[in-house]
C-alpha atoms as a PDB file:
ATOM      1  CA  UNK A   1      22.303 -27.339  93.939  1.00  0.00           C
ATOM      2  CA  UNK A   2      22.819 -26.586  90.993  1.00  0.00           C
ATOM      3  CA  UNK A   3      21.101 -27.335  87.659  1.00  0.00           C
ATOM      4  CA  UNK A   4      22.665 -27.619  84.776  1.00  0.00           C
ATOM      5  CA  UNK A   5      19.826 -27.444  81.752  1.00  0.00           C
ATOM      6  CA  UNK A   6      22.098 -29.503  78.860  1.00  0.00           C
ATOM      7  CA  UNK A   7      19.256 -29.104  76.303  1.00  0.00           C
ATOM      8  CA  UNK A   8      19.496 -26.992  73.168  1.00  0.00           C
ATOM      9  CA  UNK A   9      16.891 -24.046  72.197  1.00  0.00           C
ATOM     10  CA  UNK A  10      14.726 -25.208  69.611  1.00  0.00           C
ATOM     11  CA  UNK A  11      14.237 -22.492  67.105  1.00  0.00           C
ATOM     12  CA  UNK A  12      14.470 -22.266  63.423  1.00  0.00           C
ATOM     13  CA  UNK A  13      17.922 -21.140  63.862  1.00  0.00           C
ATOM     14  CA  UNK A  14      18.703 -24.910  65.549  1.00  0.00           C
ATOM     15  CA  UNK A  15      20.753 -26.466  63.286  1.00  0.00           C
ATOM     16  CA  UNK A  16      19.118 -30.146  61.995  1.00  0.00           C
ATOM     17  CA  UNK A  17      20.899 -33.185  60.105  1.00  0.00           C
ATOM     18  CA  UNK A  18      20.610 -32.683  56.390  1.00  0.00           C
ATOM     19  CA  UNK A  19      17.186 -34.747  55.314  1.00  0.00           C
ATOM     20  CA  UNK A  20      15.738 -33.751  58.319  1.00  0.00           C
ATOM     21  CA  UNK A  21      12.913 -31.049  58.336  1.00  0.00           C
ATOM     22  CA  UNK A  22      13.958 -27.776  59.306  1.00  0.00           C
ATOM     23  CA  UNK A  23      11.943 -26.364  63.189  1.00  0.00           C
ATOM     24  CA  UNK A  24       9.425 -24.026  62.087  1.00  0.00           C
ATOM     25  CA  UNK A  25       7.551 -22.405  64.758  1.00  0.00           C
ATOM     26  CA  UNK A  26       5.126 -19.357  63.966  1.00  0.00           C
ATOM     27  CA  UNK A  27       2.821 -17.283  66.093  1.00  0.00           C
ATOM     28  CA  UNK A  28      -1.183 -18.552  64.264  1.00  0.00           C
ATOM     29  CA  UNK A  29      -3.017 -16.168  67.033  1.00  0.00           C
ATOM     30  CA  UNK A  30      -1.885 -12.886  68.385  1.00  0.00           C
ATOM     31  CA  UNK A  31      -3.870 -10.984  71.429  1.00  0.00           C
ATOM     32  CA  UNK A  32      -1.480  -8.012  69.492  1.00  0.00           C
ATOM     33  CA  UNK A  33      -4.086  -8.372  66.218  1.00  0.00           C
ATOM     34  CA  UNK A  34      -7.330  -8.597  68.509  1.00  0.00           C
ATOM     35  CA  UNK A  35      -6.726 -12.545  69.763  1.00  0.00           C
ATOM     36  CA  UNK A  36      -7.560 -13.820  73.002  1.00  0.00           C
ATOM     37  CA  UNK A  37      -4.327 -15.372  73.841  1.00  0.00           C
ATOM     38  CA  UNK A  38      -1.260 -15.979  72.404  1.00  0.00           C
ATOM     39  CA  UNK A  39      -0.714 -19.309  70.720  1.00  0.00           C
ATOM     40  CA  UNK A  40       2.353 -21.158  68.262  1.00  0.00           C
ATOM     41  CA  UNK A  41       2.436 -23.582  65.761  1.00  0.00           C
ATOM     42  CA  UNK A  42       5.811 -25.977  65.857  1.00  0.00           C
ATOM     43  CA  UNK A  43       7.150 -28.257  63.299  1.00  0.00           C
ATOM     44  CA  UNK A  44      10.051 -30.191  63.103  1.00  0.00           C
ATOM     45  CA  UNK A  45      11.645 -33.464  63.512  1.00  0.00           C
ATOM     46  CA  UNK A  46      11.403 -35.897  66.368  1.00  0.00           C
ATOM     47  CA  UNK A  47      15.367 -35.971  66.550  1.00  0.00           C
ATOM     48  CA  UNK A  48      15.308 -32.681  67.025  1.00  0.00           C
ATOM     49  CA  UNK A  49      17.780 -30.595  69.583  1.00  0.00           C
ATOM     50  CA  UNK A  50      18.555 -32.417  72.263  1.00  0.00           C
ATOM     51  CA  UNK A  51      16.593 -36.168  71.832  1.00  0.00           C
ATOM     52  CA  UNK A  52      16.847 -39.320  72.437  1.00  0.00           C
ATOM     53  CA  UNK A  53      16.714 -42.301  69.818  1.00  0.00           C
ATOM     54  CA  UNK A  54      14.632 -45.289  70.259  1.00  0.00           C
ATOM     55  CA  UNK A  55      15.688 -48.766  68.876  1.00  0.00           C
ATOM     56  CA  UNK A  56      13.310 -48.430  65.904  1.00  0.00           C
ATOM     57  CA  UNK A  57      14.892 -45.899  64.543  1.00  0.00           C
ATOM     58  CA  UNK A  58      18.209 -48.363  63.309  1.00  0.00           C
ATOM     59  CA  UNK A  59      16.564 -51.566  63.884  1.00  0.00           C
ATOM     60  CA  UNK A  60      12.705 -51.314  62.365  1.00  0.00           C
ATOM     61  CA  UNK A  61      11.215 -53.447  65.350  1.00  0.00           C
ATOM     62  CA  UNK A  62       8.646 -50.962  66.913  1.00  0.00           C
ATOM     63  CA  UNK A  63      10.770 -50.100  69.826  1.00  0.00           C
ATOM     64  CA  UNK A  64       9.527 -46.855  70.207  1.00  0.00           C
ATOM     65  CA  UNK A  65      10.107 -43.914  72.460  1.00  0.00           C
ATOM     66  CA  UNK A  66       6.804 -44.351  74.468  1.00  0.00           C
ATOM     67  CA  UNK A  67       8.167 -47.530  75.916  1.00  0.00           C
ATOM     68  CA  UNK A  68      11.824 -46.200  76.699  1.00  0.00           C
ATOM     69  CA  UNK A  69      12.585 -47.045  80.239  1.00  0.00           C
ATOM     70  CA  UNK A  70      12.073 -43.882  82.637  1.00  0.00           C
ATOM     71  CA  UNK A  71      14.417 -45.841  85.190  1.00  0.00           C
ATOM     72  CA  UNK A  72      17.206 -45.014  82.458  1.00  0.00           C
ATOM     73  CA  UNK A  73      16.696 -42.099  82.103  1.00  0.00           C
ATOM     74  CA  UNK A  74      16.688 -41.044  84.978  1.00  0.00           C
ATOM     75  CA  UNK A  75      19.182 -41.685  87.847  1.00  0.00           C
ATOM     76  CA  UNK A  76      23.229 -41.079  88.436  1.00  0.00           C
ATOM     77  CA  UNK A  77      25.702 -39.807  85.658  1.00  0.00           C
ATOM     78  CA  UNK A  78      28.629 -38.823  84.768  1.00  0.00           C
ATOM     79  CA  UNK A  79      30.441 -36.235  82.459  1.00  0.00           C
ATOM     80  CA  UNK A  80      33.668 -37.395  80.747  1.00  0.00           C
ATOM     81  CA  UNK A  81      35.764 -34.643  79.560  1.00  0.00           C
ATOM     82  CA  UNK A  82      37.435 -35.032  76.420  1.00  0.00           C
ATOM     83  CA  UNK A  83      40.259 -33.417  75.194  1.00  0.00           C
ATOM     84  CA  UNK A  84      40.103 -31.275  72.175  1.00  0.00           C
ATOM     85  CA  UNK A  85      42.825 -33.615  70.042  1.00  0.00           C
ATOM     86  CA  UNK A  86      40.341 -36.452  70.364  1.00  0.00           C
ATOM     87  CA  UNK A  87      38.616 -36.569  66.754  1.00  0.00           C
ATOM     88  CA  UNK A  88      36.820 -39.951  67.699  1.00  0.00           C
ATOM     89  CA  UNK A  89      35.727 -41.633  70.773  1.00  0.00           C
ATOM     90  CA  UNK A  90      37.277 -45.225  70.197  1.00  0.00           C
ATOM     91  CA  UNK A  91      38.104 -47.675  72.833  1.00  0.00           C
ATOM     92  CA  UNK A  92      41.332 -47.249  73.585  1.00  0.00           C
ATOM     93  CA  UNK A  93      39.886 -43.486  73.744  1.00  0.00           C
ATOM     94  CA  UNK A  94      37.207 -44.806  76.736  1.00  0.00           C
ATOM     95  CA  UNK A  95      39.557 -47.667  78.148  1.00  0.00           C
ATOM     96  CA  UNK A  96      42.105 -44.620  79.340  1.00  0.00           C
ATOM     97  CA  UNK A  97      39.815 -42.701  80.177  1.00  0.00           C
ATOM     98  CA  UNK A  98      38.712 -42.117  84.460  1.00  0.00           C
ATOM     99  CA  UNK A  99      35.203 -43.545  83.883  1.00  0.00           C
ATOM    100  CA  UNK A 100      34.314 -44.064  87.626  1.00  0.00           C
ATOM    101  CA  UNK A 101      33.721 -48.370  87.730  1.00  0.00           C
ATOM    102  CA  UNK A 102      29.670 -49.515  87.769  1.00  0.00           C
ATOM    103  CA  UNK A 103      28.876 -46.031  85.449  1.00  0.00           C
ATOM    104  CA  UNK A 104      24.946 -46.540  83.907  1.00  0.00           C
ATOM    105  CA  UNK A 105      24.899 -42.802  81.960  1.00  0.00           C
ATOM    106  CA  UNK A 106      27.519 -41.965  80.712  1.00  0.00           C
ATOM    107  CA  UNK A 107      27.392 -38.148  78.872  1.00  0.00           C
ATOM    108  CA  UNK A 108      30.796 -36.819  76.826  1.00  0.00           C
ATOM    109  CA  UNK A 109      31.776 -33.378  76.295  1.00  0.00           C
ATOM    110  CA  UNK A 110      33.937 -33.371  73.476  1.00  0.00           C
ATOM    111  CA  UNK A 111      35.122 -30.430  71.735  1.00  0.00           C
ATOM    112  CA  UNK A 112      31.654 -30.190  70.058  1.00  0.00           C
ATOM    113  CA  UNK A 113      30.566 -28.301  72.818  1.00  0.00           C
ATOM    114  CA  UNK A 114      32.386 -25.386  71.604  1.00  0.00           C
ATOM    115  CA  UNK A 115      29.765 -25.658  68.816  1.00  0.00           C
ATOM    116  CA  UNK A 116      27.083 -24.287  70.984  1.00  0.00           C
ATOM    117  CA  UNK A 117      29.061 -21.606  72.117  1.00  0.00           C
ATOM    118  CA  UNK A 118      29.695 -20.046  68.820  1.00  0.00           C
ATOM    119  CA  UNK A 119      27.840 -17.806  66.500  1.00  0.00           C
ATOM    120  CA  UNK A 120      26.966 -20.442  64.032  1.00  0.00           C
ATOM    121  CA  UNK A 121      24.011 -22.401  63.887  1.00  0.00           C
ATOM    122  CA  UNK A 122      24.879 -24.123  60.265  1.00  0.00           C
ATOM    123  CA  UNK A 123      25.198 -28.342  60.360  1.00  0.00           C
ATOM    124  CA  UNK A 124      28.961 -29.257  60.663  1.00  0.00           C
ATOM    125  CA  UNK A 125      29.895 -32.576  59.563  1.00  0.00           C
ATOM    126  CA  UNK A 126      33.172 -33.156  61.224  1.00  0.00           C
ATOM    127  CA  UNK A 127      31.577 -33.665  64.689  1.00  0.00           C
ATOM    128  CA  UNK A 128      33.090 -35.825  67.321  1.00  0.00           C
ATOM    129  CA  UNK A 129      31.301 -39.238  67.441  1.00  0.00           C
ATOM    130  CA  UNK A 130      31.314 -42.493  68.739  1.00  0.00           C
ATOM    131  CA  UNK A 131      33.329 -45.183  66.616  1.00  0.00           C
ATOM    132  CA  UNK A 132      31.778 -48.643  66.254  1.00  0.00           C
ATOM    133  CA  UNK A 133      34.702 -50.091  68.872  1.00  0.00           C
ATOM    134  CA  UNK A 134      33.802 -47.791  71.379  1.00  0.00           C
ATOM    135  CA  UNK A 135      30.273 -48.541  71.335  1.00  0.00           C
ATOM    136  CA  UNK A 136      31.364 -52.075  71.909  1.00  0.00           C
ATOM    137  CA  UNK A 137      33.421 -50.591  74.570  1.00  0.00           C
ATOM    138  CA  UNK A 138      30.121 -49.142  76.319  1.00  0.00           C
ATOM    139  CA  UNK A 139      27.821 -52.140  75.700  1.00  0.00           C
ATOM    140  CA  UNK A 140      30.957 -54.185  77.651  1.00  0.00           C
ATOM    141  CA  UNK A 141      30.974 -52.137  80.055  1.00  0.00           C
ATOM    142  CA  UNK A 142      27.312 -52.549  81.051  1.00  0.00           C
ATOM    143  CA  UNK A 143      26.537 -48.127  80.363  1.00  0.00           C
ATOM    144  CA  UNK A 144      22.762 -48.314  79.525  1.00  0.00           C
ATOM    145  CA  UNK A 145      22.602 -44.448  78.644  1.00  0.00           C
ATOM    146  CA  UNK A 146      25.210 -42.600  76.681  1.00  0.00           C
ATOM    147  CA  UNK A 147      24.905 -38.793  75.585  1.00  0.00           C
ATOM    148  CA  UNK A 148      27.032 -37.163  73.081  1.00  0.00           C
ATOM    149  CA  UNK A 149      27.413 -33.392  72.479  1.00  0.00           C
ATOM    150  CA  UNK A 150      26.384 -33.105  69.224  1.00  0.00           C
ATOM    151  CA  UNK A 151      23.313 -34.313  66.954  1.00  0.00           C
ATOM    152  CA  UNK A 152      24.185 -38.027  66.417  1.00  0.00           C
ATOM    153  CA  UNK A 153      26.120 -40.604  68.263  1.00  0.00           C
ATOM    154  CA  UNK A 154      27.396 -41.624  65.177  1.00  0.00           C
ATOM    155  CA  UNK A 155      29.935 -40.310  62.700  1.00  0.00           C
ATOM    156  CA  UNK A 156      28.447 -38.463  59.987  1.00  0.00           C
ATOM    157  CA  UNK A 157      29.558 -40.633  57.154  1.00  0.00           C
ATOM    158  CA  UNK A 158      29.263 -44.083  58.446  1.00  0.00           C
ATOM    159  CA  UNK A 159      25.899 -43.673  61.080  1.00  0.00           C
ATOM    160  CA  UNK A 160      24.473 -47.441  61.084  1.00  0.00           C
ATOM    161  CA  UNK A 161      26.809 -49.391  62.870  1.00  0.00           C
ATOM    162  CA  UNK A 162      27.433 -47.480  66.185  1.00  0.00           C
ATOM    163  CA  UNK A 163      23.650 -46.974  66.295  1.00  0.00           C
ATOM    164  CA  UNK A 164      22.592 -50.424  65.973  1.00  0.00           C
ATOM    165  CA  UNK A 165      25.478 -51.680  68.427  1.00  0.00           C
ATOM    166  CA  UNK A 166      24.270 -49.678  71.009  1.00  0.00           C
ATOM    167  CA  UNK A 167      20.035 -49.905  70.223  1.00  0.00           C
ATOM    168  CA  UNK A 168      20.338 -53.498  69.952  1.00  0.00           C
ATOM    169  CA  UNK A 169      21.930 -53.424  73.314  1.00  0.00           C
ATOM    170  CA  UNK A 170      19.185 -51.860  75.091  1.00  0.00           C
ATOM    171  CA  UNK A 171      21.614 -48.387  75.122  1.00  0.00           C
ATOM    172  CA  UNK A 172      19.263 -45.277  75.107  1.00  0.00           C
ATOM    173  CA  UNK A 173      21.535 -42.900  72.825  1.00  0.00           C
ATOM    174  CA  UNK A 174      20.936 -38.978  74.180  1.00  0.00           C
ATOM    175  CA  UNK A 175      22.026 -36.881  71.677  1.00  0.00           C
ATOM    176  CA  UNK A 176      22.662 -33.107  71.381  1.00  0.00           C
ATOM    177  CA  UNK A 177      23.833 -32.367  74.470  1.00  0.00           C
ATOM    178  CA  UNK A 178      25.089 -28.668  75.351  1.00  0.00           C
ATOM    179  CA  UNK A 179      27.315 -29.671  77.647  1.00  0.00           C
ATOM    180  CA  UNK A 180      29.932 -26.600  77.273  1.00  0.00           C
ATOM    181  CA  UNK A 181      28.979 -25.107  81.047  1.00  0.00           C
ATOM    182  CA  UNK A 182      29.324 -28.683  82.479  1.00  0.00           C
ATOM    183  CA  UNK A 183      32.321 -29.513  84.727  1.00  0.00           C
ATOM    184  CA  UNK A 184      33.486 -33.275  84.566  1.00  0.00           C
ATOM    185  CA  UNK A 185      31.674 -35.314  87.434  1.00  0.00           C
ATOM    186  CA  UNK A 186      29.018 -37.082  88.548  1.00  0.00           C
ATOM    187  CA  UNK A 187      25.252 -35.582  88.641  1.00  0.00           C
ATOM    188  CA  UNK A 188      21.823 -36.853  88.951  1.00  0.00           C
ATOM    189  CA  UNK A 189      20.682 -36.749  85.656  1.00  0.00           C
ATOM    190  CA  UNK A 190      16.722 -36.287  84.039  1.00  0.00           C
ATOM    191  CA  UNK A 191      15.867 -36.713  80.812  1.00  0.00           C
ATOM    192  CA  UNK A 192      12.434 -36.770  79.878  1.00  0.00           C
ATOM    193  CA  UNK A 193      11.432 -36.794  76.262  1.00  0.00           C
ATOM    194  CA  UNK A 194       8.408 -36.397  75.158  1.00  0.00           C
ATOM    195  CA  UNK A 195       5.528 -39.259  74.720  1.00  0.00           C
ATOM    196  CA  UNK A 196       5.049 -39.836  71.012  1.00  0.00           C
ATOM    197  CA  UNK A 197       3.455 -42.413  70.194  1.00  0.00           C
ATOM    198  CA  UNK A 198       4.728 -44.612  67.889  1.00  0.00           C
ATOM    199  CA  UNK A 199       7.841 -42.535  66.866  1.00  0.00           C
ATOM    200  CA  UNK A 200      11.190 -43.446  66.864  1.00  0.00           C
ATOM    201  CA  UNK A 201      12.935 -40.655  68.616  1.00  0.00           C
ATOM    202  CA  UNK A 202      11.672 -37.724  70.920  1.00  0.00           C
ATOM    203  CA  UNK A 203      12.760 -34.072  71.677  1.00  0.00           C
ATOM    204  CA  UNK A 204      13.741 -34.238  75.443  1.00  0.00           C
ATOM    205  CA  UNK A 205      14.046 -31.486  78.123  1.00  0.00           C
ATOM    206  CA  UNK A 206      17.499 -32.524  80.063  1.00  0.00           C
ATOM    207  CA  UNK A 207      18.840 -31.007  83.052  1.00  0.00           C
ATOM    208  CA  UNK A 208      22.102 -32.528  85.557  1.00  0.00           C
ATOM    209  CA  UNK A 209      21.804 -31.835  88.983  1.00  0.00           C
ATOM    210  CA  UNK A 210      25.151 -31.459  91.234  1.00  0.00           C
ATOM    211  CA  UNK A 211      25.047 -34.326  93.785  1.00  0.00           C
END
């Protein structure tokens, strides 16, 4: 059995969405300074690193992250590799892809994944994302969770439509996955977001296990 940890490491070097708070991780009690234990303090936005969106994020409907269905967040998933010449994940792209019938959880590996293997840690607004018609395709095909390999399922300059289409349909967006080392194929997905009461999203330690 092989386990792929597709969670991004959270540190002050991690890129965040423009306008979101940066990651601050600091030691506030140190054994080297005579304390009984080491204690760290973390400050960050809830949409940091590998994370899920709750419907409240774009629908303002009170459906927050602690109410997300764990049955959707865990189970069989398909990782699809898209060619590096794909700049937008459209309905036509998905329609031509070898996605198994009845797939409920779909993770999309694009050229975004190269960003996590490079030295650059600055935010790149030119990431590959799901177009609104791609989101409609996902809804029409009964997918319940969709994961992407950058910090948003939606394009940087037009983030509302894709999010609203997915969230209104009850689909969970899983954003910020590191799929750089994951071959195309079927896996067992385990995605466990922090149980933050009343939050519009939460970081999630997420793994894929070879079936």
